Amino acid sequence: MDIMNEALDFEKAKMSNMSTSDRVVASREAKRLILALNEIYKETKDDDIMDMMKRLTDKKKRIEKRLKGLPPT
């Protein structure tokens, strides 16, 4: 599955020293990946896909928190 490889690459990517526009792009990419994985999950009910979606959601929340100017936790 190509989307799974994209999600793994995104998950492993470093998010430090990003500009604001880079963070916006990363947040949109995370959303795209999560929605694509969700469509696959609806059909397969695979727990590994659910775990990946959760990890991507956490990373997306951290990115968005930085966009809003709050310190990361």
PDB file of N, CA and C in Angstrom:
ATOM      1  N   MET A   1       0.840  -1.190   0.000  1.00  0.00           N
ATOM      2  CA  MET A   1       0.000   0.000   0.000  1.00  0.00           C
ATOM      3  C   MET A   1       0.881   1.248   0.000  1.00  0.00           C
ATOM      4  N   ASP A   2       0.720   2.047  -0.988  1.00  0.00           N
ATOM      5  CA  ASP A   2       1.541   3.234  -1.155  1.00  0.00           C
ATOM      6  C   ASP A   2       1.260   4.281  -0.078  1.00  0.00           C
ATOM      7  N   ILE A   3       0.011   4.432   0.300  1.00  0.00           N
ATOM      8  CA  ILE A   3      -0.357   5.443   1.303  1.00  0.00           C
ATOM      9  C   ILE A   3       0.268   5.099   2.659  1.00  0.00           C
ATOM     10  N   MET A   4       0.412   3.808   2.932  1.00  0.00           N
ATOM     11  CA  MET A   4       1.041   3.387   4.188  1.00  0.00           C
ATOM     12  C   MET A   4       2.515   3.809   4.205  1.00  0.00           C
ATOM     13  N   ASN A   5       3.200   3.658   3.084  1.00  0.00           N
ATOM     14  CA  ASN A   5       4.598   4.070   3.001  1.00  0.00           C
ATOM     15  C   ASN A   5       4.736   5.578   3.139  1.00  0.00           C
ATOM     16  N   GLU A   6       3.821   6.325   2.512  1.00  0.00           N
ATOM     17  CA  GLU A   6       3.836   7.778   2.646  1.00  0.00           C
ATOM     18  C   GLU A   6       3.638   8.185   4.105  1.00  0.00           C
ATOM     19  N   ALA A   7       2.723   7.508   4.777  1.00  0.00           N
ATOM     20  CA  ALA A   7       2.442   7.825   6.181  1.00  0.00           C
ATOM     21  C   ALA A   7       3.661   7.521   7.054  1.00  0.00           C
ATOM     22  N   LEU A   8       4.329   6.416   6.790  1.00  0.00           N
ATOM     23  CA  LEU A   8       5.520   6.068   7.566  1.00  0.00           C
ATOM     24  C   LEU A   8       6.633   7.084   7.333  1.00  0.00           C
ATOM     25  N   ASP A   9       6.817   7.497   6.086  1.00  0.00           N
ATOM     26  CA  ASP A   9       7.836   8.505   5.781  1.00  0.00           C
ATOM     27  C   ASP A   9       7.519   9.826   6.486  1.00  0.00           C
ATOM     28  N   PHE A  10       6.256  10.218   6.464  1.00  0.00           N
ATOM     29  CA  PHE A  10       5.851  11.464   7.124  1.00  0.00           C
ATOM     30  C   PHE A  10       6.076  11.366   8.629  1.00  0.00           C
ATOM     31  N   GLU A  11       5.751  10.213   9.172  1.00  0.00           N
ATOM     32  CA  GLU A  11       5.897   9.997  10.618  1.00  0.00           C
ATOM     33  C   GLU A  11       7.360  10.089  11.053  1.00  0.00           C
ATOM     34  N   LYS A  12       8.274   9.628  10.214  1.00  0.00           N
ATOM     35  CA  LYS A  12       9.693   9.623  10.546  1.00  0.00           C
ATOM     36  C   LYS A  12      10.383  10.960  10.263  1.00  0.00           C
ATOM     37  N   ALA A  13       9.733  11.824   9.501  1.00  0.00           N
ATOM     38  CA  ALA A  13      10.347  13.091   9.097  1.00  0.00           C
ATOM     39  C   ALA A  13      10.548  14.007  10.304  1.00  0.00           C
ATOM     40  N   LYS A  14      11.665  14.733  10.286  1.00  0.00           N
ATOM     41  CA  LYS A  14      11.965  15.687  11.343  1.00  0.00           C
ATOM     42  C   LYS A  14      11.084  16.917  11.171  1.00  0.00           C
ATOM     43  N   MET A  15      10.617  17.449  12.280  1.00  0.00           N
ATOM     44  CA  MET A  15       9.746  18.618  12.229  1.00  0.00           C
ATOM     45  C   MET A  15      10.383  19.828  12.918  1.00  0.00           C
ATOM     46  N   SER A  16      11.675  19.752  13.185  1.00  0.00           N
ATOM     47  CA  SER A  16      12.328  20.884  13.839  1.00  0.00           C
ATOM     48  C   SER A  16      12.810  21.879  12.789  1.00  0.00           C
ATOM     49  N   ASN A  17      12.953  23.112  13.198  1.00  0.00           N
ATOM     50  CA  ASN A  17      13.438  24.202  12.333  1.00  0.00           C
ATOM     51  C   ASN A  17      12.584  24.383  11.080  1.00  0.00           C
ATOM     52  N   MET A  18      11.281  24.302  11.243  1.00  0.00           N
ATOM     53  CA  MET A  18      10.370  24.496  10.122  1.00  0.00           C
ATOM     54  C   MET A  18       9.843  25.917  10.128  1.00  0.00           C
ATOM     55  N   SER A  19       9.655  26.460   8.937  1.00  0.00           N
ATOM     56  CA  SER A  19       9.031  27.779   8.842  1.00  0.00           C
ATOM     57  C   SER A  19       7.519  27.612   9.020  1.00  0.00           C
ATOM     58  N   THR A  20       6.834  28.723   9.161  1.00  0.00           N
ATOM     59  CA  THR A  20       5.383  28.680   9.334  1.00  0.00           C
ATOM     60  C   THR A  20       4.713  28.050   8.124  1.00  0.00           C
ATOM     61  N   SER A  21       5.164  28.417   6.942  1.00  0.00           N
ATOM     62  CA  SER A  21       4.553  27.840   5.739  1.00  0.00           C
ATOM     63  C   SER A  21       4.828  26.337   5.646  1.00  0.00           C
ATOM     64  N   ASP A  22       6.005  25.901   6.100  1.00  0.00           N
ATOM     65  CA  ASP A  22       6.307  24.468   6.122  1.00  0.00           C
ATOM     66  C   ASP A  22       5.377  23.731   7.085  1.00  0.00           C
ATOM     67  N   ARG A  23       5.081  24.356   8.205  1.00  0.00           N
ATOM     68  CA  ARG A  23       4.172  23.746   9.182  1.00  0.00           C
ATOM     69  C   ARG A  23       2.755  23.634   8.618  1.00  0.00           C
ATOM     70  N   VAL A  24       2.322  24.650   7.887  1.00  0.00           N
ATOM     71  CA  VAL A  24       0.991  24.607   7.271  1.00  0.00           C
ATOM     72  C   VAL A  24       0.926  23.463   6.269  1.00  0.00           C
ATOM     73  N   VAL A  25       1.949  23.337   5.452  1.00  0.00           N
ATOM     74  CA  VAL A  25       2.003  22.253   4.457  1.00  0.00           C
ATOM     75  C   VAL A  25       2.021  20.896   5.158  1.00  0.00           C
ATOM     76  N   ALA A  26       2.806  20.771   6.219  1.00  0.00           N
ATOM     77  CA  ALA A  26       2.890  19.506   6.957  1.00  0.00           C
ATOM     78  C   ALA A  26       1.554  19.155   7.599  1.00  0.00           C
ATOM     79  N   SER A  27       0.865  20.139   8.132  1.00  0.00           N
ATOM     80  CA  SER A  27      -0.439  19.901   8.743  1.00  0.00           C
ATOM     81  C   SER A  27      -1.445  19.415   7.706  1.00  0.00           C
ATOM     82  N   ARG A  28      -1.441  20.020   6.538  1.00  0.00           N
ATOM     83  CA  ARG A  28      -2.355  19.603   5.466  1.00  0.00           C
ATOM     84  C   ARG A  28      -2.013  18.208   4.963  1.00  0.00           C
ATOM     85  N   GLU A  29      -0.730  17.912   4.876  1.00  0.00           N
ATOM     86  CA  GLU A  29      -0.296  16.580   4.443  1.00  0.00           C
ATOM     87  C   GLU A  29      -0.737  15.527   5.458  1.00  0.00           C
ATOM     88  N   ALA A  30      -0.596  15.830   6.738  1.00  0.00           N
ATOM     89  CA  ALA A  30      -1.022  14.901   7.781  1.00  0.00           C
ATOM     90  C   ALA A  30      -2.522  14.641   7.669  1.00  0.00           C
ATOM     91  N   LYS A  31      -3.287  15.684   7.447  1.00  0.00           N
ATOM     92  CA  LYS A  31      -4.737  15.532   7.313  1.00  0.00           C
ATOM     93  C   LYS A  31      -5.072  14.652   6.112  1.00  0.00           C
ATOM     94  N   ARG A  32      -4.393  14.882   4.996  1.00  0.00           N
ATOM     95  CA  ARG A  32      -4.635  14.079   3.793  1.00  0.00           C
ATOM     96  C   ARG A  32      -4.343  12.605   4.056  1.00  0.00           C
ATOM     97  N   LEU A  33      -3.216  12.337   4.729  1.00  0.00           N
ATOM     98  CA  LEU A  33      -2.839  10.959   5.020  1.00  0.00           C
ATOM     99  C   LEU A  33      -3.828  10.294   5.980  1.00  0.00           C
ATOM    100  N   ILE A  34      -4.244  11.030   6.994  1.00  0.00           N
ATOM    101  CA  ILE A  34      -5.182  10.473   7.974  1.00  0.00           C
ATOM    102  C   ILE A  34      -6.499  10.117   7.296  1.00  0.00           C
ATOM    103  N   LEU A  35      -7.003  11.003   6.444  1.00  0.00           N
ATOM    104  CA  LEU A  35      -8.275  10.729   5.756  1.00  0.00           C
ATOM    105  C   LEU A  35      -8.149   9.545   4.795  1.00  0.00           C
ATOM    106  N   ALA A  36      -7.016   9.436   4.114  1.00  0.00           N
ATOM    107  CA  ALA A  36      -6.810   8.307   3.203  1.00  0.00           C
ATOM    108  C   ALA A  36      -6.718   6.992   3.978  1.00  0.00           C
ATOM    109  N   LEU A  37      -6.011   7.025   5.094  1.00  0.00           N
ATOM    110  CA  LEU A  37      -5.909   5.824   5.922  1.00  0.00           C
ATOM    111  C   LEU A  37      -7.267   5.445   6.505  1.00  0.00           C
ATOM    112  N   ASN A  38      -8.072   6.441   6.829  1.00  0.00           N
ATOM    113  CA  ASN A  38      -9.393   6.179   7.383  1.00  0.00           C
ATOM    114  C   ASN A  38     -10.273   5.438   6.377  1.00  0.00           C
ATOM    115  N   GLU A  39     -10.169   5.791   5.103  1.00  0.00           N
ATOM    116  CA  GLU A  39     -10.949   5.091   4.071  1.00  0.00           C
ATOM    117  C   GLU A  39     -10.537   3.624   3.995  1.00  0.00           C
ATOM    118  N   ILE A  40      -9.234   3.367   4.109  1.00  0.00           N
ATOM    119  CA  ILE A  40      -8.755   1.976   4.101  1.00  0.00           C
ATOM    120  C   ILE A  40      -9.231   1.259   5.363  1.00  0.00           C
ATOM    121  N   TYR A  41      -9.170   1.951   6.498  1.00  0.00           N
ATOM    122  CA  TYR A  41      -9.571   1.341   7.772  1.00  0.00           C
ATOM    123  C   TYR A  41     -11.040   0.945   7.766  1.00  0.00           C
ATOM    124  N   LYS A  42     -11.876   1.763   7.138  1.00  0.00           N
ATOM    125  CA  LYS A  42     -13.311   1.457   7.091  1.00  0.00           C
ATOM    126  C   LYS A  42     -13.566   0.105   6.443  1.00  0.00           C
ATOM    127  N   GLU A  43     -12.744  -0.261   5.480  1.00  0.00           N
ATOM    128  CA  GLU A  43     -12.930  -1.527   4.770  1.00  0.00           C
ATOM    129  C   GLU A  43     -12.271  -2.699   5.481  1.00  0.00           C
ATOM    130  N   THR A  44     -11.073  -2.456   6.061  1.00  0.00           N
ATOM    131  CA  THR A  44     -10.293  -3.581   6.588  1.00  0.00           C
ATOM    132  C   THR A  44     -10.405  -3.767   8.098  1.00  0.00           C
ATOM    133  N   LYS A  45     -10.686  -2.698   8.825  1.00  0.00           N
ATOM    134  CA  LYS A  45     -10.726  -2.732  10.305  1.00  0.00           C
ATOM    135  C   LYS A  45      -9.411  -3.244  10.902  1.00  0.00           C
ATOM    136  N   ASP A  46      -8.298  -2.878  10.260  1.00  0.00           N
ATOM    137  CA  ASP A  46      -6.962  -3.299  10.680  1.00  0.00           C
ATOM    138  C   ASP A  46      -6.481  -2.394  11.818  1.00  0.00           C
ATOM    139  N   ASP A  47      -6.126  -2.989  12.945  1.00  0.00           N
ATOM    140  CA  ASP A  47      -5.682  -2.221  14.115  1.00  0.00           C
ATOM    141  C   ASP A  47      -4.387  -1.463  13.861  1.00  0.00           C
ATOM    142  N   ASP A  48      -3.516  -1.991  12.995  1.00  0.00           N
ATOM    143  CA  ASP A  48      -2.262  -1.299  12.682  1.00  0.00           C
ATOM    144  C   ASP A  48      -2.536   0.038  11.998  1.00  0.00           C
ATOM    145  N   ILE A  49      -3.547   0.069  11.145  1.00  0.00           N
ATOM    146  CA  ILE A  49      -3.904   1.315  10.466  1.00  0.00           C
ATOM    147  C   ILE A  49      -4.453   2.312  11.477  1.00  0.00           C
ATOM    148  N   MET A  50      -5.250   1.831  12.419  1.00  0.00           N
ATOM    149  CA  MET A  50      -5.792   2.722  13.458  1.00  0.00           C
ATOM    150  C   MET A  50      -4.660   3.309  14.296  1.00  0.00           C
ATOM    151  N   ASP A  51      -3.677   2.486  14.646  1.00  0.00           N
ATOM    152  CA  ASP A  51      -2.540   2.976  15.429  1.00  0.00           C
ATOM    153  C   ASP A  51      -1.753   4.032  14.653  1.00  0.00           C
ATOM    154  N   MET A  52      -1.585   3.810  13.351  1.00  0.00           N
ATOM    155  CA  MET A  52      -0.874   4.776  12.534  1.00  0.00           C
ATOM    156  C   MET A  52      -1.647   6.098  12.466  1.00  0.00           C
ATOM    157  N   MET A  53      -2.963   6.013  12.330  1.00  0.00           N
ATOM    158  CA  MET A  53      -3.782   7.233  12.295  1.00  0.00           C
ATOM    159  C   MET A  53      -3.652   8.003  13.615  1.00  0.00           C
ATOM    160  N   LYS A  54      -3.610   7.288  14.718  1.00  0.00           N
ATOM    161  CA  LYS A  54      -3.462   7.942  16.026  1.00  0.00           C
ATOM    162  C   LYS A  54      -2.122   8.652  16.135  1.00  0.00           C
ATOM    163  N   ARG A  55      -1.060   7.997  15.674  1.00  0.00           N
ATOM    164  CA  ARG A  55       0.269   8.623  15.735  1.00  0.00           C
ATOM    165  C   ARG A  55       0.339   9.861  14.839  1.00  0.00           C
ATOM    166  N   LEU A  56      -0.249   9.767  13.645  1.00  0.00           N
ATOM    167  CA  LEU A  56      -0.266  10.920  12.743  1.00  0.00           C
ATOM    168  C   LEU A  56      -1.097  12.059  13.319  1.00  0.00           C
ATOM    169  N   THR A  57      -2.187  11.722  13.980  1.00  0.00           N
ATOM    170  CA  THR A  57      -3.026  12.746  14.602  1.00  0.00           C
ATOM    171  C   THR A  57      -2.257  13.458  15.706  1.00  0.00           C
ATOM    172  N   ASP A  58      -1.510  12.716  16.500  1.00  0.00           N
ATOM    173  CA  ASP A  58      -0.698  13.337  17.556  1.00  0.00           C
ATOM    174  C   ASP A  58       0.341  14.278  16.957  1.00  0.00           C
ATOM    175  N   LYS A  59       0.989  13.856  15.886  1.00  0.00           N
ATOM    176  CA  LYS A  59       1.998  14.693  15.240  1.00  0.00           C
ATOM    177  C   LYS A  59       1.344  15.942  14.650  1.00  0.00           C
ATOM    178  N   LYS A  60       0.184  15.791  14.057  1.00  0.00           N
ATOM    179  CA  LYS A  60      -0.554  16.913  13.479  1.00  0.00           C
ATOM    180  C   LYS A  60      -0.928  17.914  14.573  1.00  0.00           C
ATOM    181  N   LYS A  61      -1.369  17.415  15.722  1.00  0.00           N
ATOM    182  CA  LYS A  61      -1.723  18.303  16.838  1.00  0.00           C
ATOM    183  C   LYS A  61      -0.507  19.091  17.324  1.00  0.00           C
ATOM    184  N   ARG A  62       0.662  18.440  17.387  1.00  0.00           N
ATOM    185  CA  ARG A  62       1.876  19.139  17.803  1.00  0.00           C
ATOM    186  C   ARG A  62       2.244  20.235  16.807  1.00  0.00           C
ATOM    187  N   ILE A  63       2.109  19.934  15.527  1.00  0.00           N
ATOM    188  CA  ILE A  63       2.406  20.937  14.484  1.00  0.00           C
ATOM    189  C   ILE A  63       1.455  22.121  14.626  1.00  0.00           C
ATOM    190  N   GLU A  64       0.179  21.841  14.781  1.00  0.00           N
ATOM    191  CA  GLU A  64      -0.825  22.902  14.867  1.00  0.00           C
ATOM    192  C   GLU A  64      -0.660  23.722  16.150  1.00  0.00           C
ATOM    193  N   LYS A  65      -0.217  23.079  17.206  1.00  0.00           N
ATOM    194  CA  LYS A  65       0.027  23.800  18.448  1.00  0.00           C
ATOM    195  C   LYS A  65       1.133  24.837  18.255  1.00  0.00           C
ATOM    196  N   ARG A  66       2.167  24.457  17.502  1.00  0.00           N
ATOM    197  CA  ARG A  66       3.244  25.397  17.193  1.00  0.00           C
ATOM    198  C   ARG A  66       2.768  26.521  16.272  1.00  0.00           C
ATOM    199  N   LEU A  67       1.850  26.209  15.367  1.00  0.00           N
ATOM    200  CA  LEU A  67       1.310  27.236  14.479  1.00  0.00           C
ATOM    201  C   LEU A  67       0.548  28.298  15.268  1.00  0.00           C
ATOM    202  N   LYS A  68      -0.115  27.886  16.332  1.00  0.00           N
ATOM    203  CA  LYS A  68      -0.888  28.818  17.149  1.00  0.00           C
ATOM    204  C   LYS A  68      -0.021  29.553  18.155  1.00  0.00           C
ATOM    205  N   GLY A  69       1.250  29.193  18.253  1.00  0.00           N
ATOM    206  CA  GLY A  69       2.179  29.896  19.132  1.00  0.00           C
ATOM    207  C   GLY A  69       2.250  29.351  20.542  1.00  0.00           C
ATOM    208  N   LEU A  70       1.652  28.211  20.785  1.00  0.00           N
ATOM    209  CA  LEU A  70       1.714  27.609  22.117  1.00  0.00           C
ATOM    210  C   LEU A  70       2.956  26.746  22.218  1.00  0.00           C
ATOM    211  N   PRO A  71       3.565  26.656  23.396  1.00  0.00           N
ATOM    212  CA  PRO A  71       4.745  25.795  23.528  1.00  0.00           C
ATOM    213  C   PRO A  71       4.364  24.339  23.379  1.00  0.00           C
ATOM    214  N   PRO A  72       5.185  23.527  22.699  1.00  0.00           N
ATOM    215  CA  PRO A  72       4.865  22.107  22.533  1.00  0.00           C
ATOM    216  C   PRO A  72       4.950  21.383  23.857  1.00  0.00           C
ATOM    217  N   THR A  73       4.139  20.332  24.014  1.00  0.00           N
ATOM    218  CA  THR A  73       4.150  19.541  25.253  1.00  0.00           C
ATOM    219  C   THR A  73       4.745  18.190  25.010  1.00  0.00           C
TER     220      THR A  73
END
